[in-house]
């Protein structure tokens, strides 16, 4: 009798293959909830971008909205506040970067780089102190902008750190004007 090079599959071979397939399906069934739970939930996805109507905002007024669980300051600055912010030399600032998601990362912290082109009177920024995450108080402090009473950080009317332990300017989120008075954040 000649020995065959290919052996017929046995019942044992079938059981090994079937067991392996069931194990792979079981591992995928266990892994799927673990991977799926890492996705953001519906409430976070819903807040990925929001639109804010600023038509009721008068010169010198501010509003605070909530976006992605954080406060966002929107201020309609006066001509005096804009002029004061523009008169500050970049060399006098502790943080010389704009920290604006709408401009290049290397842009300087000039007032024009902290606002939207053509709408310099409206300033939009995250309302979280860059020192330890407190919420600064508006229209306070030595520079007339924002003041964090927790540790004494002073921000000017452009949201730039001027004095205190905060290492960076208040960040400006990605935003754009989608109408004359509608700002889309995110």
N, C-alpha and C. Protein backbone atom coordinates (compact mmCIF):
# COMPACT_ATOMS: atom_id res chain seq x y z
N UNK A 1 0.82 -1.17 0.00
CA UNK A 1 0.00 0.00 0.00
C UNK A 1 0.87 1.24 0.00
N UNK A 2 0.42 2.26 -0.76
CA UNK A 2 1.17 3.52 -0.83
C UNK A 2 0.63 4.48 0.21
N UNK A 3 1.55 5.23 0.77
CA UNK A 3 1.17 6.23 1.79
C UNK A 3 0.79 7.51 1.05
N UNK A 4 -0.37 8.05 1.36
CA UNK A 4 -0.86 9.27 0.71
C UNK A 4 -0.23 10.50 1.35
N UNK A 5 0.09 11.51 0.49
CA UNK A 5 0.66 12.77 1.01
C UNK A 5 -0.39 13.62 1.71
N UNK A 6 -1.62 13.47 1.37
CA UNK A 6 -2.69 14.26 1.99
C UNK A 6 -3.57 13.32 2.79
N UNK A 7 -3.72 13.65 4.02
CA UNK A 7 -4.55 12.81 4.87
C UNK A 7 -5.96 13.39 4.88
N UNK A 8 -6.93 12.57 5.02
CA UNK A 8 -8.31 13.01 5.12
C UNK A 8 -8.49 13.73 6.45
N UNK A 9 -9.25 14.83 6.44
CA UNK A 9 -9.50 15.52 7.72
C UNK A 9 -10.28 14.59 8.66
N UNK A 10 -9.91 14.69 9.89
CA UNK A 10 -10.56 13.84 10.89
C UNK A 10 -11.55 14.68 11.69
N UNK A 11 -12.27 14.00 12.52
CA UNK A 11 -13.21 14.71 13.39
C UNK A 11 -12.47 15.64 14.33
N UNK A 12 -11.28 15.25 14.77
CA UNK A 12 -10.46 16.07 15.65
C UNK A 12 -10.08 17.39 14.94
N UNK A 13 -9.71 17.32 13.66
CA UNK A 13 -9.38 18.54 12.90
C UNK A 13 -10.58 19.47 12.85
N UNK A 14 -11.74 18.92 12.59
CA UNK A 14 -12.96 19.72 12.55
C UNK A 14 -13.22 20.41 13.89
N UNK A 15 -13.05 19.68 14.99
CA UNK A 15 -13.27 20.26 16.32
C UNK A 15 -12.29 21.39 16.62
N UNK A 16 -11.01 21.22 16.20
CA UNK A 16 -10.02 22.29 16.40
C UNK A 16 -10.44 23.56 15.65
N UNK A 17 -10.84 23.42 14.40
CA UNK A 17 -11.24 24.57 13.59
C UNK A 17 -12.50 25.22 14.15
N UNK A 18 -13.49 24.43 14.51
CA UNK A 18 -14.74 24.96 15.05
C UNK A 18 -14.51 25.67 16.38
N UNK A 19 -13.68 25.09 17.23
CA UNK A 19 -13.37 25.71 18.53
C UNK A 19 -12.65 27.04 18.33
N UNK A 20 -11.71 27.07 17.40
CA UNK A 20 -10.99 28.32 17.11
C UNK A 20 -11.91 29.41 16.59
N UNK A 21 -12.84 29.04 15.71
CA UNK A 21 -13.78 30.02 15.15
C UNK A 21 -14.70 30.57 16.24
N UNK A 22 -15.23 29.70 17.09
CA UNK A 22 -16.09 30.14 18.18
C UNK A 22 -15.32 31.04 19.15
N UNK A 23 -14.07 30.70 19.41
CA UNK A 23 -13.23 31.53 20.29
C UNK A 23 -12.98 32.91 19.70
N UNK A 24 -12.73 33.00 18.39
CA UNK A 24 -12.50 34.29 17.73
C UNK A 24 -13.76 35.16 17.80
N UNK A 25 -14.93 34.56 17.54
CA UNK A 25 -16.19 35.30 17.61
C UNK A 25 -16.44 35.76 19.06
N UNK A 26 -16.15 34.92 20.02
CA UNK A 26 -16.32 35.29 21.43
C UNK A 26 -15.40 36.42 21.84
N UNK A 27 -14.15 36.38 21.39
CA UNK A 27 -13.20 37.46 21.71
C UNK A 27 -13.66 38.78 21.10
N UNK A 28 -14.17 38.75 19.87
CA UNK A 28 -14.67 39.97 19.23
C UNK A 28 -15.89 40.50 19.98
N UNK A 29 -16.75 39.59 20.45
CA UNK A 29 -17.95 40.01 21.19
C UNK A 29 -17.58 40.66 22.52
N UNK A 30 -16.51 40.20 23.13
CA UNK A 30 -16.06 40.81 24.40
C UNK A 30 -15.36 42.13 24.13
N UNK A 31 -14.57 42.21 23.08
CA UNK A 31 -13.78 43.42 22.78
C UNK A 31 -14.64 44.56 22.28
N UNK A 32 -15.71 44.28 21.56
CA UNK A 32 -16.52 45.34 20.96
C UNK A 32 -17.04 46.36 22.00
N UNK A 33 -17.64 45.97 23.10
CA UNK A 33 -18.10 46.97 24.07
C UNK A 33 -16.94 47.79 24.66
N UNK A 34 -15.80 47.17 24.84
CA UNK A 34 -14.65 47.92 25.38
C UNK A 34 -14.18 48.99 24.41
N UNK A 35 -14.13 48.68 23.14
CA UNK A 35 -13.72 49.66 22.14
C UNK A 35 -14.82 50.70 21.95
N UNK A 36 -16.05 50.28 21.90
CA UNK A 36 -17.17 51.18 21.67
C UNK A 36 -17.32 52.21 22.79
N UNK A 37 -17.05 51.84 24.01
CA UNK A 37 -17.22 52.77 25.12
C UNK A 37 -16.21 53.92 25.09
N UNK A 38 -15.16 53.81 24.28
CA UNK A 38 -14.17 54.88 24.17
C UNK A 38 -14.64 56.01 23.25
N UNK A 39 -15.69 55.79 22.47
CA UNK A 39 -16.23 56.84 21.62
C UNK A 39 -16.97 57.87 22.46
N UNK A 40 -17.00 59.14 22.02
CA UNK A 40 -17.75 60.14 22.78
C UNK A 40 -19.24 59.84 22.73
N UNK A 41 -19.94 60.19 23.81
CA UNK A 41 -21.37 59.92 23.83
C UNK A 41 -22.12 60.98 23.02
N UNK A 42 -23.40 60.80 22.87
CA UNK A 42 -24.21 61.66 21.99
C UNK A 42 -24.21 63.11 22.46
N UNK A 43 -24.19 63.36 23.76
CA UNK A 43 -24.22 64.73 24.25
C UNK A 43 -22.95 65.49 23.87
N UNK A 44 -21.82 64.81 23.84
CA UNK A 44 -20.57 65.45 23.44
C UNK A 44 -20.56 65.69 21.93
N UNK A 45 -21.00 64.73 21.16
CA UNK A 45 -21.05 64.90 19.71
C UNK A 45 -22.00 66.03 19.33
N UNK A 46 -23.08 66.19 20.07
CA UNK A 46 -24.03 67.25 19.77
C UNK A 46 -23.42 68.62 20.01
N UNK A 47 -22.46 68.71 20.91
CA UNK A 47 -21.83 69.99 21.22
C UNK A 47 -20.55 70.22 20.44
N UNK A 48 -20.31 69.43 19.40
CA UNK A 48 -19.09 69.60 18.63
C UNK A 48 -19.01 71.00 18.04
N UNK A 49 -20.13 71.56 17.65
CA UNK A 49 -20.17 72.96 17.22
C UNK A 49 -21.51 73.54 17.63
N UNK A 50 -21.49 74.81 17.95
CA UNK A 50 -22.71 75.51 18.32
C UNK A 50 -22.74 76.85 17.62
N UNK A 51 -23.91 77.40 17.48
CA UNK A 51 -24.07 78.73 16.91
C UNK A 51 -24.63 79.65 17.98
N UNK A 52 -24.05 80.84 18.07
CA UNK A 52 -24.45 81.81 19.08
C UNK A 52 -24.86 83.10 18.38
N UNK A 53 -26.03 83.61 18.72
CA UNK A 53 -26.50 84.88 18.18
C UNK A 53 -26.02 85.99 19.12
N UNK A 54 -25.22 86.90 18.57
CA UNK A 54 -24.67 87.99 19.39
C UNK A 54 -25.32 89.32 19.06
N UNK A 55 -26.48 89.30 18.40
CA UNK A 55 -27.15 90.55 18.00
C UNK A 55 -27.61 91.36 19.21
N UNK A 56 -27.94 90.72 20.30
CA UNK A 56 -28.40 91.44 21.49
C UNK A 56 -27.24 91.97 22.34
N UNK A 57 -26.02 91.62 21.97
CA UNK A 57 -24.84 92.04 22.74
C UNK A 57 -24.52 93.49 22.40
N UNK A 58 -24.54 94.35 23.41
CA UNK A 58 -24.23 95.77 23.21
C UNK A 58 -22.75 96.01 23.49
N UNK A 59 -22.24 97.11 22.97
CA UNK A 59 -20.84 97.46 23.18
C UNK A 59 -20.54 97.51 24.68
N UNK A 60 -19.46 96.83 25.08
CA UNK A 60 -19.07 96.78 26.49
C UNK A 60 -19.68 95.62 27.25
N UNK A 61 -20.51 94.81 26.62
CA UNK A 61 -21.14 93.69 27.30
C UNK A 61 -20.43 92.38 26.96
N UNK A 62 -20.58 91.43 27.89
CA UNK A 62 -20.02 90.09 27.70
C UNK A 62 -21.10 89.07 27.98
N UNK A 63 -20.96 87.91 27.35
CA UNK A 63 -21.80 86.77 27.70
C UNK A 63 -20.88 85.57 27.88
N UNK A 64 -21.35 84.64 28.65
CA UNK A 64 -20.62 83.37 28.84
C UNK A 64 -21.56 82.26 28.42
N UNK A 65 -21.07 81.43 27.49
CA UNK A 65 -21.85 80.28 27.05
C UNK A 65 -21.09 79.02 27.44
N UNK A 66 -21.74 77.90 27.33
CA UNK A 66 -21.09 76.63 27.64
C UNK A 66 -20.92 75.85 26.34
N UNK A 67 -19.71 75.42 26.07
CA UNK A 67 -19.40 74.63 24.88
C UNK A 67 -18.44 73.53 25.29
N UNK A 68 -18.82 72.28 24.96
CA UNK A 68 -18.03 71.10 25.32
C UNK A 68 -17.74 71.04 26.82
N UNK A 69 -18.68 71.51 27.62
CA UNK A 69 -18.54 71.45 29.06
C UNK A 69 -17.68 72.54 29.66
N UNK A 70 -17.22 73.51 28.86
CA UNK A 70 -16.37 74.59 29.36
C UNK A 70 -17.01 75.94 29.05
N UNK A 71 -16.74 76.94 29.90
CA UNK A 71 -17.27 78.27 29.59
C UNK A 71 -16.49 78.91 28.44
N UNK A 72 -17.20 79.66 27.62
CA UNK A 72 -16.61 80.45 26.54
C UNK A 72 -17.06 81.88 26.75
N UNK A 73 -16.09 82.81 26.79
CA UNK A 73 -16.40 84.23 26.94
C UNK A 73 -16.53 84.85 25.56
N UNK A 74 -17.61 85.61 25.36
CA UNK A 74 -17.80 86.39 24.15
C UNK A 74 -18.03 87.83 24.61
N UNK A 75 -17.18 88.73 24.15
CA UNK A 75 -17.26 90.13 24.59
C UNK A 75 -17.28 91.05 23.38
N UNK A 76 -18.17 92.02 23.45
CA UNK A 76 -18.23 93.09 22.45
C UNK A 76 -17.41 94.24 23.06
N UNK A 77 -16.19 94.37 22.60
CA UNK A 77 -15.26 95.33 23.20
C UNK A 77 -15.55 96.76 22.74
N UNK A 78 -15.25 97.69 23.63
CA UNK A 78 -15.39 99.11 23.29
C UNK A 78 -14.18 99.53 22.46
N UNK A 79 -14.29 100.68 21.81
CA UNK A 79 -13.18 101.22 21.03
C UNK A 79 -11.97 101.46 21.93
N UNK A 80 -12.20 101.89 23.16
CA UNK A 80 -11.09 102.14 24.11
C UNK A 80 -10.40 100.82 24.47
N UNK A 81 -11.16 99.75 24.67
CA UNK A 81 -10.57 98.45 24.98
C UNK A 81 -9.72 97.93 23.83
N UNK A 82 -10.22 98.12 22.60
CA UNK A 82 -9.47 97.67 21.43
C UNK A 82 -8.18 98.47 21.30
N UNK A 83 -8.28 99.78 21.46
CA UNK A 83 -7.09 100.63 21.35
C UNK A 83 -6.06 100.28 22.42
N UNK A 84 -6.54 100.04 23.64
CA UNK A 84 -5.63 99.67 24.73
C UNK A 84 -4.93 98.34 24.42
N UNK A 85 -5.68 97.37 23.91
CA UNK A 85 -5.10 96.06 23.59
C UNK A 85 -4.08 96.16 22.45
N UNK A 86 -4.37 97.01 21.48
CA UNK A 86 -3.45 97.18 20.35
C UNK A 86 -2.18 97.92 20.72
N UNK A 87 -2.24 98.73 21.77
CA UNK A 87 -1.07 99.53 22.16
C UNK A 87 -0.03 98.73 22.94
N UNK A 88 -0.35 97.52 23.35
CA UNK A 88 0.57 96.70 24.15
C UNK A 88 1.64 96.10 23.23
N UNK A 89 2.88 96.25 23.63
CA UNK A 89 3.99 95.66 22.87
C UNK A 89 4.05 94.16 23.13
N UNK A 90 4.29 93.39 22.08
CA UNK A 90 4.40 91.93 22.21
C UNK A 90 5.51 91.58 23.19
N UNK A 91 6.56 92.39 23.25
CA UNK A 91 7.69 92.12 24.13
C UNK A 91 7.32 92.23 25.61
N UNK A 92 6.21 92.91 25.91
CA UNK A 92 5.77 93.07 27.30
C UNK A 92 4.90 91.91 27.78
N UNK A 93 4.60 90.97 26.90
CA UNK A 93 3.69 89.87 27.25
C UNK A 93 4.47 88.64 27.72
N UNK A 94 4.01 88.01 28.80
CA UNK A 94 4.65 86.75 29.23
C UNK A 94 4.50 85.63 28.20
N UNK A 95 3.35 85.58 27.52
CA UNK A 95 3.12 84.58 26.48
C UNK A 95 2.97 85.33 25.16
N UNK A 96 3.91 85.14 24.26
CA UNK A 96 3.92 85.91 23.02
C UNK A 96 3.21 85.21 21.86
N UNK A 97 2.56 84.09 22.13
CA UNK A 97 1.85 83.36 21.09
C UNK A 97 0.34 83.64 21.15
N UNK A 98 -0.30 83.69 19.99
CA UNK A 98 -1.72 84.04 19.91
C UNK A 98 -2.62 83.02 20.59
N UNK A 99 -2.28 81.73 20.55
CA UNK A 99 -3.11 80.65 21.12
C UNK A 99 -4.51 80.71 20.51
N UNK A 100 -4.57 80.93 19.20
CA UNK A 100 -5.82 81.06 18.48
C UNK A 100 -5.90 79.93 17.46
N UNK A 101 -6.93 79.10 17.57
CA UNK A 101 -7.10 77.96 16.67
C UNK A 101 -7.39 78.38 15.23
N UNK A 102 -7.65 79.67 15.01
CA UNK A 102 -7.98 80.16 13.67
C UNK A 102 -6.78 80.70 12.91
N UNK A 103 -5.64 80.81 13.56
CA UNK A 103 -4.43 81.31 12.90
C UNK A 103 -3.30 80.30 13.11
N UNK A 104 -2.16 80.55 12.50
CA UNK A 104 -1.03 79.63 12.63
C UNK A 104 -0.58 79.53 14.08
N UNK A 105 -0.04 78.36 14.44
CA UNK A 105 0.43 78.14 15.82
C UNK A 105 1.53 79.10 16.22
N UNK A 106 2.29 79.60 15.25
CA UNK A 106 3.41 80.48 15.56
C UNK A 106 3.03 81.97 15.51
N UNK A 107 1.75 82.29 15.28
CA UNK A 107 1.32 83.69 15.21
C UNK A 107 1.54 84.37 16.56
N UNK A 108 1.94 85.64 16.49
CA UNK A 108 2.19 86.37 17.74
C UNK A 108 0.88 86.78 18.40
N UNK A 109 0.96 87.21 19.64
CA UNK A 109 -0.20 87.52 20.45
C UNK A 109 -0.70 88.94 20.26
N UNK A 110 -0.51 89.50 19.08
CA UNK A 110 -1.06 90.84 18.82
C UNK A 110 -2.58 90.76 18.91
N UNK A 111 -3.20 91.89 19.17
CA UNK A 111 -4.65 91.92 19.31
C UNK A 111 -5.34 91.41 18.05
N UNK A 112 -4.82 91.74 16.91
CA UNK A 112 -5.44 91.33 15.64
C UNK A 112 -5.43 89.81 15.46
N UNK A 113 -4.42 89.14 16.02
CA UNK A 113 -4.34 87.68 15.92
C UNK A 113 -5.20 86.96 16.96
N UNK A 114 -5.86 87.70 17.81
CA UNK A 114 -6.71 87.10 18.84
C UNK A 114 -8.20 87.24 18.49
N UNK A 115 -8.51 87.92 17.37
CA UNK A 115 -9.90 88.17 17.00
C UNK A 115 -10.16 87.67 15.58
N UNK A 116 -11.39 87.83 15.11
CA UNK A 116 -11.75 87.47 13.74
C UNK A 116 -11.51 88.68 12.84
N UNK A 117 -10.93 88.46 11.69
CA UNK A 117 -10.64 89.54 10.76
C UNK A 117 -11.93 90.26 10.37
N UNK A 118 -11.91 91.56 10.49
CA UNK A 118 -13.07 92.37 10.15
C UNK A 118 -14.07 92.52 11.27
N UNK A 119 -13.93 91.77 12.33
CA UNK A 119 -14.84 91.84 13.49
C UNK A 119 -14.03 91.91 14.78
N UNK A 120 -13.05 92.80 14.79
CA UNK A 120 -12.14 92.90 15.93
C UNK A 120 -12.82 93.32 17.23
N UNK A 121 -14.03 93.88 17.13
CA UNK A 121 -14.74 94.31 18.34
C UNK A 121 -15.28 93.12 19.14
N UNK A 122 -15.50 91.99 18.47
CA UNK A 122 -16.00 90.78 19.16
C UNK A 122 -14.82 89.86 19.43
N UNK A 123 -14.64 89.52 20.70
CA UNK A 123 -13.58 88.58 21.05
C UNK A 123 -14.21 87.33 21.66
N UNK A 124 -13.71 86.18 21.25
CA UNK A 124 -14.23 84.88 21.69
C UNK A 124 -13.05 84.10 22.26
N UNK A 125 -13.18 83.58 23.48
CA UNK A 125 -12.10 82.79 24.06
C UNK A 125 -12.64 81.84 25.12
N UNK A 126 -11.87 80.80 25.35
CA UNK A 126 -12.23 79.83 26.39
C UNK A 126 -12.13 80.52 27.74
N UNK A 127 -13.08 80.27 28.61
CA UNK A 127 -13.12 80.91 29.91
C UNK A 127 -12.50 80.06 31.01
N UNK A 128 -11.33 79.51 30.74
CA UNK A 128 -10.66 78.65 31.70
C UNK A 128 -9.24 79.16 31.91
N UNK A 129 -8.90 79.51 33.14
CA UNK A 129 -7.57 80.01 33.46
C UNK A 129 -6.53 78.95 33.09
N UNK A 130 -5.46 79.40 32.46
CA UNK A 130 -4.44 78.47 32.00
C UNK A 130 -3.49 78.05 33.12
N UNK A 131 -3.73 78.51 34.33
CA UNK A 131 -2.89 78.09 35.45
C UNK A 131 -3.39 76.77 36.01
N UNK A 132 -4.59 76.78 36.59
CA UNK A 132 -5.12 75.56 37.19
C UNK A 132 -6.56 75.27 36.80
N UNK A 133 -7.06 75.93 35.76
CA UNK A 133 -8.39 75.61 35.26
C UNK A 133 -9.55 76.28 35.95
N UNK A 134 -9.30 77.35 36.70
CA UNK A 134 -10.39 78.10 37.33
C UNK A 134 -11.11 78.93 36.26
N UNK A 135 -12.22 79.55 36.62
CA UNK A 135 -12.94 80.43 35.69
C UNK A 135 -12.69 81.87 36.11
N UNK A 136 -11.99 82.64 35.28
CA UNK A 136 -11.70 84.04 35.61
C UNK A 136 -12.97 84.90 35.62
N UNK A 137 -12.92 85.98 36.38
CA UNK A 137 -14.02 86.94 36.45
C UNK A 137 -13.81 88.02 35.41
N UNK A 138 -14.87 88.43 34.73
CA UNK A 138 -14.76 89.41 33.66
C UNK A 138 -14.72 90.84 34.16
N UNK A 139 -14.10 91.72 33.37
CA UNK A 139 -14.00 93.15 33.62
C UNK A 139 -13.41 93.45 35.00
N UNK A 140 -12.38 92.69 35.34
CA UNK A 140 -11.72 92.88 36.62
C UNK A 140 -10.22 92.75 36.42
N UNK A 141 -9.48 92.99 37.47
CA UNK A 141 -8.04 92.87 37.40
C UNK A 141 -7.38 94.18 37.00
N UNK A 142 -6.08 94.17 36.98
CA UNK A 142 -5.31 95.39 36.73
C UNK A 142 -5.36 95.86 35.29
N UNK A 143 -5.80 95.01 34.36
CA UNK A 143 -5.75 95.36 32.94
C UNK A 143 -7.14 95.44 32.32
N UNK A 144 -8.19 95.44 33.15
CA UNK A 144 -9.55 95.63 32.68
C UNK A 144 -10.15 94.47 31.91
N UNK A 145 -9.48 93.33 31.88
CA UNK A 145 -9.99 92.17 31.14
C UNK A 145 -10.61 91.16 32.07
N UNK A 146 -9.85 90.11 32.37
CA UNK A 146 -10.33 89.04 33.23
C UNK A 146 -9.32 88.81 34.36
N UNK A 147 -9.86 88.39 35.50
CA UNK A 147 -9.02 88.18 36.68
C UNK A 147 -9.41 86.87 37.33
N UNK A 148 -8.41 86.02 37.58
CA UNK A 148 -8.65 84.76 38.27
C UNK A 148 -8.29 84.95 39.74
N UNK A 149 -9.29 85.05 40.62
CA UNK A 149 -9.02 85.33 42.03
C UNK A 149 -8.38 84.16 42.78
N UNK A 150 -8.41 82.97 42.22
CA UNK A 150 -7.86 81.81 42.90
C UNK A 150 -6.36 81.95 43.14
N UNK A 151 -5.63 82.40 42.12
CA UNK A 151 -4.18 82.50 42.24
C UNK A 151 -3.63 83.82 41.73
N UNK A 152 -4.50 84.75 41.33
CA UNK A 152 -4.08 86.10 40.98
C UNK A 152 -3.59 86.31 39.56
N UNK A 153 -4.12 85.58 38.60
CA UNK A 153 -3.74 85.80 37.21
C UNK A 153 -4.59 86.93 36.61
N UNK A 154 -3.92 87.87 35.95
CA UNK A 154 -4.59 89.01 35.33
C UNK A 154 -4.47 88.89 33.81
N UNK A 155 -5.60 89.00 33.11
CA UNK A 155 -5.64 88.97 31.65
C UNK A 155 -6.14 90.32 31.15
N UNK A 156 -5.64 90.75 29.99
CA UNK A 156 -6.09 92.02 29.45
C UNK A 156 -7.36 91.84 28.61
N UNK A 157 -7.79 92.92 27.92
CA UNK A 157 -9.04 92.88 27.16
C UNK A 157 -8.95 92.01 25.91
N UNK A 158 -7.77 91.51 25.58
CA UNK A 158 -7.61 90.56 24.48
C UNK A 158 -7.43 89.14 25.01
N UNK A 159 -7.56 88.95 26.32
CA UNK A 159 -7.42 87.62 26.92
C UNK A 159 -5.98 87.15 27.04
N UNK A 160 -5.04 88.08 27.00
CA UNK A 160 -3.62 87.71 27.11
C UNK A 160 -3.16 87.83 28.56
N UNK A 161 -2.39 86.86 29.01
CA UNK A 161 -1.88 86.90 30.39
C UNK A 161 -0.93 88.08 30.51
N UNK A 162 -1.12 88.86 31.58
CA UNK A 162 -0.27 90.03 31.79
C UNK A 162 0.47 89.96 33.11
N UNK A 163 -0.14 89.28 34.08
CA UNK A 163 0.48 89.21 35.41
C UNK A 163 -0.08 87.99 36.13
N UNK A 164 0.77 87.33 36.92
CA UNK A 164 0.31 86.19 37.69
C UNK A 164 0.93 84.89 37.22
N UNK A 165 0.52 83.78 37.84
CA UNK A 165 1.16 82.49 37.56
C UNK A 165 0.71 81.78 36.29
N UNK A 166 -0.36 82.24 35.64
CA UNK A 166 -0.83 81.55 34.43
C UNK A 166 0.26 81.61 33.36
N UNK A 167 0.57 80.46 32.74
CA UNK A 167 1.67 80.43 31.77
C UNK A 167 1.28 80.86 30.36
N UNK A 168 -0.02 80.82 30.02
CA UNK A 168 -0.44 81.07 28.64
C UNK A 168 -1.65 81.99 28.59
N UNK A 169 -1.86 82.58 27.41
CA UNK A 169 -3.05 83.37 27.14
C UNK A 169 -4.27 82.47 27.14
N UNK A 170 -5.45 83.06 27.36
CA UNK A 170 -6.68 82.29 27.25
C UNK A 170 -6.82 81.81 25.81
N UNK A 171 -7.04 80.54 25.58
CA UNK A 171 -7.10 80.03 24.19
C UNK A 171 -8.36 80.50 23.46
N UNK A 172 -8.20 80.74 22.18
CA UNK A 172 -9.32 81.11 21.31
C UNK A 172 -9.72 79.86 20.53
N UNK A 173 -10.99 79.42 20.68
CA UNK A 173 -11.41 78.22 19.96
C UNK A 173 -11.61 78.52 18.47
N UNK A 174 -11.72 77.47 17.68
CA UNK A 174 -12.04 77.64 16.27
C UNK A 174 -13.45 78.21 16.18
N UNK A 175 -13.58 79.37 15.53
CA UNK A 175 -14.89 79.97 15.35
C UNK A 175 -14.91 80.78 14.07
N UNK A 176 -16.12 81.08 13.61
CA UNK A 176 -16.29 81.92 12.44
C UNK A 176 -17.65 82.59 12.49
N UNK A 177 -17.77 83.71 11.82
CA UNK A 177 -19.05 84.37 11.68
C UNK A 177 -19.75 83.75 10.47
N UNK A 178 -20.91 83.14 10.70
CA UNK A 178 -21.67 82.52 9.61
C UNK A 178 -22.80 83.43 9.17
N UNK A 179 -22.95 84.55 9.83
CA UNK A 179 -23.92 85.58 9.50
C UNK A 179 -23.43 86.87 10.12
N UNK A 180 -24.18 87.94 9.96
CA UNK A 180 -23.75 89.21 10.54
C UNK A 180 -23.58 89.13 12.05
N UNK A 181 -24.47 88.39 12.70
CA UNK A 181 -24.46 88.32 14.15
C UNK A 181 -24.47 86.90 14.69
N UNK A 182 -24.13 85.92 13.85
CA UNK A 182 -24.12 84.52 14.28
C UNK A 182 -22.69 84.00 14.25
N UNK A 183 -22.24 83.52 15.41
CA UNK A 183 -20.90 82.95 15.53
C UNK A 183 -21.05 81.44 15.65
N UNK A 184 -20.31 80.71 14.82
CA UNK A 184 -20.28 79.25 14.91
C UNK A 184 -18.97 78.87 15.59
N UNK A 185 -19.07 78.23 16.74
CA UNK A 185 -17.90 77.80 17.50
C UNK A 185 -17.75 76.29 17.30
N UNK A 186 -16.55 75.89 16.96
CA UNK A 186 -16.26 74.47 16.75
C UNK A 186 -16.26 74.07 15.31
